[in-house]
Amino acid sequence: MNNVHPHDHRDVGRFDWAGQIKLAIVLSVIAAITAIALAGRVAEPVVIVGVIVVASFAGWARVQPAPQPARQLIRIPVRHR
């Protein structure tokens, strides 16, 4: 109905499996191409750690933080001497 925001608000809390699988496939292809391009030029452990770091950043960039509960003040009884 609203063309500006066509998404359904009922799906806000659902996990997007299709999006995660697409991201994993794309990152795997990019990692394979990068590893082939860097083979023989850069040490293998550096390539492996680099792929893990880049994939972690890409994965965490898609995570939406959960809303934090509102802080409530707690009264603590204090005994004066």
N, C-alpha and C. Protein backbone atom coordinates (compact mmCIF):
# COMPACT_ATOMS: atom_id res chain seq x y z
N MET A 1 0.80 -1.17 0.00
CA MET A 1 0.00 0.00 0.00
C MET A 1 0.86 1.25 0.00
N ASN A 2 1.88 1.27 0.83
CA ASN A 2 2.78 2.42 0.91
C ASN A 2 3.99 2.14 0.02
N ASN A 3 4.14 2.89 -1.04
CA ASN A 3 5.22 2.65 -1.99
C ASN A 3 6.58 3.06 -1.47
N VAL A 4 6.62 3.96 -0.49
CA VAL A 4 7.90 4.41 0.04
C VAL A 4 8.56 3.29 0.84
N HIS A 5 7.78 2.57 1.65
CA HIS A 5 8.28 1.47 2.46
C HIS A 5 7.49 0.21 2.13
N PRO A 6 7.89 -0.52 1.10
CA PRO A 6 7.09 -1.66 0.67
C PRO A 6 7.24 -2.90 1.54
N HIS A 7 8.16 -2.92 2.53
CA HIS A 7 8.35 -4.12 3.33
C HIS A 7 7.24 -4.27 4.36
N ASP A 8 7.05 -5.48 4.80
CA ASP A 8 6.02 -5.81 5.78
C ASP A 8 6.64 -5.74 7.16
N HIS A 9 6.09 -4.95 8.05
CA HIS A 9 6.66 -4.76 9.38
C HIS A 9 6.53 -6.00 10.26
N ARG A 10 5.71 -6.95 9.88
CA ARG A 10 5.59 -8.17 10.66
C ARG A 10 6.83 -9.04 10.54
N ASP A 11 7.65 -8.85 9.52
CA ASP A 11 8.83 -9.67 9.29
C ASP A 11 10.09 -9.09 9.93
N VAL A 12 9.97 -8.07 10.78
CA VAL A 12 11.14 -7.39 11.33
C VAL A 12 11.99 -8.33 12.16
N GLY A 13 11.40 -9.20 12.97
CA GLY A 13 12.17 -10.07 13.85
C GLY A 13 12.61 -11.37 13.22
N ARG A 14 12.25 -11.64 11.99
CA ARG A 14 12.57 -12.92 11.36
C ARG A 14 13.99 -12.91 10.82
N PHE A 15 14.62 -14.08 10.85
CA PHE A 15 15.98 -14.24 10.32
C PHE A 15 15.91 -14.47 8.82
N ASP A 16 16.72 -13.75 8.07
CA ASP A 16 16.70 -13.83 6.61
C ASP A 16 17.69 -14.89 6.13
N TRP A 17 17.22 -16.15 6.03
CA TRP A 17 18.08 -17.24 5.60
C TRP A 17 18.57 -17.05 4.18
N ALA A 18 17.68 -16.63 3.29
CA ALA A 18 18.05 -16.46 1.89
C ALA A 18 19.15 -15.41 1.75
N GLY A 19 19.04 -14.32 2.47
CA GLY A 19 20.06 -13.28 2.42
C GLY A 19 21.39 -13.76 2.96
N GLN A 20 21.36 -14.55 4.03
CA GLN A 20 22.60 -15.05 4.61
C GLN A 20 23.28 -16.06 3.69
N ILE A 21 22.49 -16.90 3.03
CA ILE A 21 23.06 -17.87 2.09
C ILE A 21 23.67 -17.17 0.89
N LYS A 22 22.98 -16.16 0.37
CA LYS A 22 23.53 -15.39 -0.75
C LYS A 22 24.84 -14.71 -0.35
N LEU A 23 24.87 -14.14 0.84
CA LEU A 23 26.09 -13.49 1.33
C LEU A 23 27.22 -14.50 1.44
N ALA A 24 26.93 -15.70 1.96
CA ALA A 24 27.96 -16.73 2.11
C ALA A 24 28.51 -17.17 0.75
N ILE A 25 27.63 -17.32 -0.23
CA ILE A 25 28.08 -17.73 -1.57
C ILE A 25 28.95 -16.65 -2.20
N VAL A 26 28.50 -15.41 -2.12
CA VAL A 26 29.26 -14.31 -2.72
C VAL A 26 30.63 -14.17 -2.04
N LEU A 27 30.64 -14.25 -0.71
CA LEU A 27 31.92 -14.13 0.00
C LEU A 27 32.85 -15.31 -0.31
N SER A 28 32.29 -16.49 -0.51
CA SER A 28 33.11 -17.65 -0.86
C SER A 28 33.75 -17.49 -2.22
N VAL A 29 32.99 -16.99 -3.18
CA VAL A 29 33.53 -16.77 -4.53
C VAL A 29 34.61 -15.70 -4.49
N ILE A 30 34.36 -14.62 -3.78
CA ILE A 30 35.36 -13.55 -3.67
C ILE A 30 36.62 -14.06 -2.97
N ALA A 31 36.44 -14.86 -1.91
CA ALA A 31 37.59 -15.41 -1.20
C ALA A 31 38.41 -16.33 -2.09
N ALA A 32 37.73 -17.15 -2.89
CA ALA A 32 38.45 -18.06 -3.79
C ALA A 32 39.23 -17.29 -4.85
N ILE A 33 38.61 -16.28 -5.43
CA ILE A 33 39.30 -15.47 -6.45
C ILE A 33 40.50 -14.75 -5.84
N THR A 34 40.31 -14.20 -4.65
CA THR A 34 41.41 -13.49 -3.98
C THR A 34 42.54 -14.45 -3.62
N ALA A 35 42.20 -15.63 -3.12
CA ALA A 35 43.24 -16.61 -2.76
C ALA A 35 44.03 -17.05 -3.98
N ILE A 36 43.34 -17.26 -5.09
CA ILE A 36 44.03 -17.65 -6.33
C ILE A 36 44.94 -16.52 -6.82
N ALA A 37 44.45 -15.29 -6.73
CA ALA A 37 45.24 -14.14 -7.19
C ALA A 37 46.48 -13.92 -6.31
N LEU A 38 46.36 -14.20 -5.02
CA LEU A 38 47.48 -13.96 -4.10
C LEU A 38 48.38 -15.17 -3.90
N ALA A 39 48.04 -16.30 -4.51
CA ALA A 39 48.84 -17.51 -4.34
C ALA A 39 50.26 -17.28 -4.85
N GLY A 40 51.22 -17.59 -4.02
CA GLY A 40 52.62 -17.43 -4.40
C GLY A 40 53.17 -16.04 -4.11
N ARG A 41 52.31 -15.07 -3.88
CA ARG A 41 52.76 -13.69 -3.60
C ARG A 41 52.72 -13.38 -2.12
N VAL A 42 51.74 -13.95 -1.43
CA VAL A 42 51.55 -13.69 -0.01
C VAL A 42 51.52 -15.04 0.70
N ALA A 43 52.02 -15.07 1.93
CA ALA A 43 52.03 -16.32 2.69
C ALA A 43 50.61 -16.82 2.91
N GLU A 44 50.47 -18.14 2.88
CA GLU A 44 49.14 -18.76 3.01
C GLU A 44 48.42 -18.38 4.30
N PRO A 45 49.09 -18.36 5.46
CA PRO A 45 48.38 -17.96 6.68
C PRO A 45 47.82 -16.54 6.62
N VAL A 46 48.53 -15.65 5.95
CA VAL A 46 48.06 -14.27 5.82
C VAL A 46 46.78 -14.22 4.99
N VAL A 47 46.72 -15.00 3.92
CA VAL A 47 45.53 -15.05 3.07
C VAL A 47 44.36 -15.62 3.87
N ILE A 48 44.59 -16.68 4.62
CA ILE A 48 43.52 -17.31 5.40
C ILE A 48 42.98 -16.35 6.45
N VAL A 49 43.86 -15.73 7.21
CA VAL A 49 43.42 -14.79 8.25
C VAL A 49 42.71 -13.59 7.61
N GLY A 50 43.22 -13.11 6.50
CA GLY A 50 42.58 -11.99 5.82
C GLY A 50 41.17 -12.33 5.36
N VAL A 51 40.99 -13.52 4.81
CA VAL A 51 39.66 -13.94 4.38
C VAL A 51 38.71 -14.04 5.58
N ILE A 52 39.19 -14.59 6.68
CA ILE A 52 38.35 -14.71 7.87
C ILE A 52 37.96 -13.34 8.40
N VAL A 53 38.90 -12.42 8.45
CA VAL A 53 38.62 -11.07 8.96
C VAL A 53 37.61 -10.34 8.08
N VAL A 54 37.82 -10.38 6.78
CA VAL A 54 36.91 -9.68 5.86
C VAL A 54 35.51 -10.30 5.91
N ALA A 55 35.43 -11.62 5.95
CA ALA A 55 34.12 -12.29 6.02
C ALA A 55 33.43 -11.98 7.35
N SER A 56 34.19 -11.89 8.43
CA SER A 56 33.61 -11.55 9.73
C SER A 56 33.04 -10.14 9.72
N PHE A 57 33.80 -9.19 9.16
CA PHE A 57 33.29 -7.83 9.08
C PHE A 57 32.02 -7.75 8.23
N ALA A 58 32.01 -8.45 7.13
CA ALA A 58 30.82 -8.44 6.26
C ALA A 58 29.63 -9.07 6.97
N GLY A 59 29.86 -10.14 7.69
CA GLY A 59 28.77 -10.78 8.42
C GLY A 59 28.24 -9.93 9.56
N TRP A 60 29.15 -9.34 10.34
CA TRP A 60 28.72 -8.52 11.46
C TRP A 60 28.07 -7.22 11.01
N ALA A 61 28.40 -6.75 9.82
CA ALA A 61 27.79 -5.52 9.31
C ALA A 61 26.30 -5.71 9.08
N ARG A 62 25.87 -6.94 8.86
CA ARG A 62 24.46 -7.22 8.62
C ARG A 62 23.66 -7.44 9.89
N VAL A 63 24.34 -7.55 11.04
CA VAL A 63 23.65 -7.81 12.29
C VAL A 63 23.05 -6.52 12.82
N GLN A 64 21.80 -6.59 13.19
CA GLN A 64 21.12 -5.44 13.77
C GLN A 64 21.14 -5.59 15.28
N PRO A 65 21.61 -4.57 16.00
CA PRO A 65 21.66 -4.69 17.46
C PRO A 65 20.25 -4.77 18.05
N ALA A 66 20.12 -5.57 19.08
CA ALA A 66 18.84 -5.70 19.77
C ALA A 66 18.58 -4.45 20.60
N PRO A 67 17.34 -4.04 20.70
CA PRO A 67 17.05 -2.86 21.52
C PRO A 67 17.36 -3.14 22.99
N GLN A 68 17.96 -2.18 23.63
CA GLN A 68 18.33 -2.32 25.04
C GLN A 68 17.15 -1.93 25.92
N PRO A 69 16.94 -2.66 27.00
CA PRO A 69 15.85 -2.28 27.91
C PRO A 69 16.13 -0.94 28.56
N ALA A 70 15.07 -0.22 28.89
CA ALA A 70 15.23 1.09 29.52
C ALA A 70 15.84 0.91 30.91
N ARG A 71 16.71 1.80 31.27
CA ARG A 71 17.33 1.74 32.59
C ARG A 71 16.32 2.17 33.65
N GLN A 72 16.35 1.48 34.77
CA GLN A 72 15.49 1.82 35.88
C GLN A 72 16.35 2.13 37.09
N LEU A 73 16.00 3.21 37.77
CA LEU A 73 16.74 3.57 38.97
C LEU A 73 16.32 2.67 40.11
N ILE A 74 17.28 2.23 40.88
CA ILE A 74 17.02 1.36 42.01
C ILE A 74 17.43 2.10 43.28
N ARG A 75 16.53 2.16 44.24
CA ARG A 75 16.87 2.79 45.51
C ARG A 75 17.60 1.80 46.40
N ILE A 76 18.76 2.20 46.87
CA ILE A 76 19.56 1.36 47.75
C ILE A 76 19.57 2.03 49.13
N PRO A 77 19.11 1.32 50.14
CA PRO A 77 19.12 1.92 51.47
C PRO A 77 20.56 2.13 51.96
N VAL A 78 20.81 3.28 52.52
CA VAL A 78 22.14 3.62 53.03
C VAL A 78 22.03 3.85 54.52
N ARG A 79 22.88 3.15 55.26
CA ARG A 79 22.90 3.36 56.72
C ARG A 79 23.95 4.40 57.05
N HIS A 80 23.54 5.43 57.78
CA HIS A 80 24.48 6.45 58.21
C HIS A 80 24.92 6.13 59.63
N ARG A 81 26.18 6.33 59.93
CA ARG A 81 26.70 6.03 61.27
C ARG A 81 26.70 7.25 62.12
